[in-house]
Amino acid sequence: MLKTINIRTKARTEFVDITSEVQGVVNDSNIKNGICYLYVPHTTAGITINEGADPSVVKDIQTVLNKLVPHNLSYSHIEGNSDSHIKSTLVGISKSVLIDNGRLLLGTWQAIFFCEFDGPRSRSIHVKILKCPDKTL
């Protein structure tokens, strides 16, 4: 099963919690045991799994990424968004999450975040659910 989640980001750099939308795709699949693959088909965005309970963690991640890869360096790329491409490379564009008994197997504090590095834009996240035989996870 393949579904696409579409979002509209509001800022140049933004982390959007998509955990409930991804769980909704899992629910719609009726797959109880499997793997959920998440893929971002953009070169200036990414996806990560991290602390979802305290928003200061996301803010800290954004702050450090902006310090590591500042927007205003003398990059060669003429579009002016090389920092966004580099951040996408560092964060990554895909993740896998186990599904157990119909639920994403995330830790207590974990959430799935779409990471915008060159917004605001309309973006998509492809979600592929693969069924595993019962009791294999």
C-alpha atoms as a PDB file:
ATOM      1  CA  MET A   1       0.000   0.000   0.000  1.00  0.00           C
ATOM      2  CA  LEU A   2       1.331   3.429  -0.980  1.00  0.00           C
ATOM      3  CA  LYS A   3      -0.169   6.713   0.132  1.00  0.00           C
ATOM      4  CA  THR A   4       1.029  10.293  -0.051  1.00  0.00           C
ATOM      5  CA  ILE A   5       0.685  12.845   2.721  1.00  0.00           C
ATOM      6  CA  ASN A   6       0.580  16.413   1.401  1.00  0.00           C
ATOM      7  CA  ILE A   7       1.473  19.368   3.603  1.00  0.00           C
ATOM      8  CA  ARG A   8       1.986  23.090   3.192  1.00  0.00           C
ATOM      9  CA  THR A   9       4.838  24.501   5.233  1.00  0.00           C
ATOM     10  CA  LYS A  10       4.703  28.061   6.541  1.00  0.00           C
ATOM     11  CA  ALA A  11       8.345  28.989   7.200  1.00  0.00           C
ATOM     12  CA  ARG A  12      11.759  28.647   5.577  1.00  0.00           C
ATOM     13  CA  THR A  13      12.836  26.182   8.263  1.00  0.00           C
ATOM     14  CA  GLU A  14      10.133  24.203   9.997  1.00  0.00           C
ATOM     15  CA  PHE A  15       9.645  20.786  11.581  1.00  0.00           C
ATOM     16  CA  VAL A  16       6.096  19.483  11.145  1.00  0.00           C
ATOM     17  CA  ASP A  17       4.905  16.633  13.361  1.00  0.00           C
ATOM     18  CA  ILE A  18       3.279  14.125  10.977  1.00  0.00           C
ATOM     19  CA  THR A  19       3.008  11.223  13.429  1.00  0.00           C
ATOM     20  CA  SER A  20      -0.795  11.168  13.534  1.00  0.00           C
ATOM     21  CA  GLU A  21      -1.071  11.382   9.734  1.00  0.00           C
ATOM     22  CA  VAL A  22       1.357   8.456   9.342  1.00  0.00           C
ATOM     23  CA  GLN A  23      -0.542   6.441  11.961  1.00  0.00           C
ATOM     24  CA  GLY A  24      -3.705   7.211   9.980  1.00  0.00           C
ATOM     25  CA  VAL A  25      -2.140   5.654   6.880  1.00  0.00           C
ATOM     26  CA  VAL A  26      -1.229   2.589   8.968  1.00  0.00           C
ATOM     27  CA  ASN A  27      -4.805   2.411  10.273  1.00  0.00           C
ATOM     28  CA  ASP A  28      -6.214   2.665   6.733  1.00  0.00           C
ATOM     29  CA  SER A  29      -3.952  -0.173   5.583  1.00  0.00           C
ATOM     30  CA  ASN A  30      -5.429  -2.626   8.117  1.00  0.00           C
ATOM     31  CA  ILE A  31      -1.939  -4.117   8.363  1.00  0.00           C
ATOM     32  CA  LYS A  32      -1.219  -5.316  11.886  1.00  0.00           C
ATOM     33  CA  ASN A  33       2.443  -6.300  11.544  1.00  0.00           C
ATOM     34  CA  GLY A  34       4.806  -4.771   9.045  1.00  0.00           C
ATOM     35  CA  ILE A  35       7.100  -1.934   8.130  1.00  0.00           C
ATOM     36  CA  CYS A  36       6.210   1.656   7.370  1.00  0.00           C
ATOM     37  CA  TYR A  37       8.630   3.306   4.934  1.00  0.00           C
ATOM     38  CA  LEU A  38       8.623   7.095   4.771  1.00  0.00           C
ATOM     39  CA  TYR A  39      10.201   8.868   1.815  1.00  0.00           C
ATOM     40  CA  VAL A  40      10.489  12.601   1.089  1.00  0.00           C
ATOM     41  CA  PRO A  41      10.913  13.264  -2.670  1.00  0.00           C
ATOM     42  CA  HIS A  42      12.497  16.690  -2.240  1.00  0.00           C
ATOM     43  CA  THR A  43      16.136  17.837  -2.264  1.00  0.00           C
ATOM     44  CA  THR A  44      15.643  20.627   0.284  1.00  0.00           C
ATOM     45  CA  ALA A  45      13.595  18.773   2.880  1.00  0.00           C
ATOM     46  CA  GLY A  46      13.972  15.708   5.064  1.00  0.00           C
ATOM     47  CA  ILE A  47      12.430  13.480   7.679  1.00  0.00           C
ATOM     48  CA  THR A  48      13.488  12.595  11.194  1.00  0.00           C
ATOM     49  CA  ILE A  49      12.246  10.861  14.324  1.00  0.00           C
ATOM     50  CA  ASN A  50      12.952  12.622  17.586  1.00  0.00           C
ATOM     51  CA  GLU A  51      11.488  14.084  20.778  1.00  0.00           C
ATOM     52  CA  GLY A  52       7.869  15.074  20.252  1.00  0.00           C
ATOM     53  CA  ALA A  53       6.790  15.991  23.772  1.00  0.00           C
ATOM     54  CA  ASP A  54       9.017  19.043  24.325  1.00  0.00           C
ATOM     55  CA  PRO A  55       9.059  21.540  21.414  1.00  0.00           C
ATOM     56  CA  SER A  56      12.331  23.023  22.670  1.00  0.00           C
ATOM     57  CA  VAL A  57      14.142  19.920  21.350  1.00  0.00           C
ATOM     58  CA  VAL A  58      13.018  20.692  17.781  1.00  0.00           C
ATOM     59  CA  LYS A  59      14.012  24.313  18.275  1.00  0.00           C
ATOM     60  CA  ASP A  60      17.464  23.216  19.486  1.00  0.00           C
ATOM     61  CA  ILE A  61      17.911  20.917  16.470  1.00  0.00           C
ATOM     62  CA  GLN A  62      16.982  23.747  14.103  1.00  0.00           C
ATOM     63  CA  THR A  63      19.338  26.149  15.895  1.00  0.00           C
ATOM     64  CA  VAL A  64      22.290  23.774  15.662  1.00  0.00           C
ATOM     65  CA  LEU A  65      21.598  22.912  12.008  1.00  0.00           C
ATOM     66  CA  ASN A  66      21.472  26.644  11.209  1.00  0.00           C
ATOM     67  CA  LYS A  67      24.802  27.182  13.007  1.00  0.00           C
ATOM     68  CA  LEU A  68      26.430  24.187  11.298  1.00  0.00           C
ATOM     69  CA  VAL A  69      25.092  25.132   7.871  1.00  0.00           C
ATOM     70  CA  PRO A  70      24.320  28.872   7.745  1.00  0.00           C
ATOM     71  CA  HIS A  71      22.142  30.324   5.012  1.00  0.00           C
ATOM     72  CA  ASN A  72      24.486  33.192   4.131  1.00  0.00           C
ATOM     73  CA  LEU A  73      27.777  31.498   3.177  1.00  0.00           C
ATOM     74  CA  SER A  74      29.340  31.981  -0.245  1.00  0.00           C
ATOM     75  CA  TYR A  75      27.816  28.883  -1.850  1.00  0.00           C
ATOM     76  CA  SER A  76      28.234  28.186  -5.584  1.00  0.00           C
ATOM     77  CA  HIS A  77      24.610  27.122  -6.204  1.00  0.00           C
ATOM     78  CA  ILE A  78      22.899  30.089  -7.865  1.00  0.00           C
ATOM     79  CA  GLU A  79      19.435  29.454  -6.416  1.00  0.00           C
ATOM     80  CA  GLY A  80      20.632  30.565  -2.986  1.00  0.00           C
ATOM     81  CA  ASN A  81      19.432  27.496  -1.120  1.00  0.00           C
ATOM     82  CA  SER A  82      22.553  25.351  -0.833  1.00  0.00           C
ATOM     83  CA  ASP A  83      22.167  25.329   2.931  1.00  0.00           C
ATOM     84  CA  SER A  84      18.797  23.635   2.451  1.00  0.00           C
ATOM     85  CA  HIS A  85      20.311  20.933   0.244  1.00  0.00           C
ATOM     86  CA  ILE A  86      23.078  20.302   2.789  1.00  0.00           C
ATOM     87  CA  LYS A  87      20.618  20.102   5.711  1.00  0.00           C
ATOM     88  CA  SER A  88      18.494  17.639   3.725  1.00  0.00           C
ATOM     89  CA  THR A  89      21.592  15.512   3.188  1.00  0.00           C
ATOM     90  CA  LEU A  90      22.484  15.611   6.889  1.00  0.00           C
ATOM     91  CA  VAL A  91      18.964  14.792   8.146  1.00  0.00           C
ATOM     92  CA  GLY A  92      18.085  12.318   5.406  1.00  0.00           C
ATOM     93  CA  ILE A  93      15.049  11.806   3.220  1.00  0.00           C
ATOM     94  CA  SER A  94      13.759   8.444   4.447  1.00  0.00           C
ATOM     95  CA  LYS A  95      12.945   6.522   7.585  1.00  0.00           C
ATOM     96  CA  SER A  96      11.515   3.108   8.453  1.00  0.00           C
ATOM     97  CA  VAL A  97       9.253   2.388  11.409  1.00  0.00           C
ATOM     98  CA  LEU A  98       8.095  -1.026  12.549  1.00  0.00           C
ATOM     99  CA  ILE A  99       4.367  -1.682  12.864  1.00  0.00           C
ATOM    100  CA  ASP A 100       3.255  -3.959  15.679  1.00  0.00           C
ATOM    101  CA  ASN A 101      -0.375  -4.799  16.370  1.00  0.00           C
ATOM    102  CA  GLY A 102      -1.480  -1.989  14.045  1.00  0.00           C
ATOM    103  CA  ARG A 103       0.574   0.721  15.772  1.00  0.00           C
ATOM    104  CA  LEU A 104       3.780   2.489  14.830  1.00  0.00           C
ATOM    105  CA  LEU A 105       6.453   1.119  17.129  1.00  0.00           C
ATOM    106  CA  LEU A 106       7.770   4.471  18.367  1.00  0.00           C
ATOM    107  CA  GLY A 107       9.311   5.198  21.736  1.00  0.00           C
ATOM    108  CA  THR A 108       7.327   7.012  24.399  1.00  0.00           C
ATOM    109  CA  TRP A 109       8.676  10.445  23.467  1.00  0.00           C
ATOM    110  CA  GLN A 110       9.277   9.905  19.759  1.00  0.00           C
ATOM    111  CA  ALA A 111       7.447  11.691  16.951  1.00  0.00           C
ATOM    112  CA  ILE A 112       7.912  11.729  13.180  1.00  0.00           C
ATOM    113  CA  PHE A 113       8.830  15.129  11.764  1.00  0.00           C
ATOM    114  CA  PHE A 114       8.820  16.398   8.212  1.00  0.00           C
ATOM    115  CA  CYS A 115      11.767  18.809   8.036  1.00  0.00           C
ATOM    116  CA  GLU A 116      11.394  21.869   5.822  1.00  0.00           C
ATOM    117  CA  PHE A 117      14.615  23.676   4.939  1.00  0.00           C
ATOM    118  CA  ASP A 118      13.501  25.839   1.990  1.00  0.00           C
ATOM    119  CA  GLY A 119       9.917  26.878   2.617  1.00  0.00           C
ATOM    120  CA  PRO A 120       7.271  27.825   2.623  1.00  0.00           C
ATOM    121  CA  ARG A 121       6.261  25.221   0.058  1.00  0.00           C
ATOM    122  CA  SER A 122       3.768  22.512  -0.781  1.00  0.00           C
ATOM    123  CA  ARG A 123       5.422  19.202   0.048  1.00  0.00           C
ATOM    124  CA  SER A 124       4.673  15.508   0.026  1.00  0.00           C
ATOM    125  CA  ILE A 125       5.735  12.454   1.984  1.00  0.00           C
ATOM    126  CA  HIS A 126       5.281   9.006   0.443  1.00  0.00           C
ATOM    127  CA  VAL A 127       4.262   6.311   2.903  1.00  0.00           C
ATOM    128  CA  LYS A 128       4.658   2.659   1.913  1.00  0.00           C
ATOM    129  CA  ILE A 129       3.246  -0.022   4.194  1.00  0.00           C
ATOM    130  CA  LEU A 130       4.556  -3.571   3.800  1.00  0.00           C
ATOM    131  CA  LYS A 131       2.916  -6.477   5.553  1.00  0.00           C
ATOM    132  CA  CYS A 132       5.011  -8.971   7.486  1.00  0.00           C
ATOM    133  CA  PRO A 133       3.710 -12.370   8.525  1.00  0.00           C
ATOM    134  CA  ASP A 134       2.322 -12.308  12.054  1.00  0.00           C
ATOM    135  CA  LYS A 135       4.846 -12.821  14.845  1.00  0.00           C
ATOM    136  CA  THR A 136       7.920 -12.027  12.735  1.00  0.00           C
ATOM    137  CA  LEU A 137       8.700  -8.697  14.377  1.00  0.00           C
END
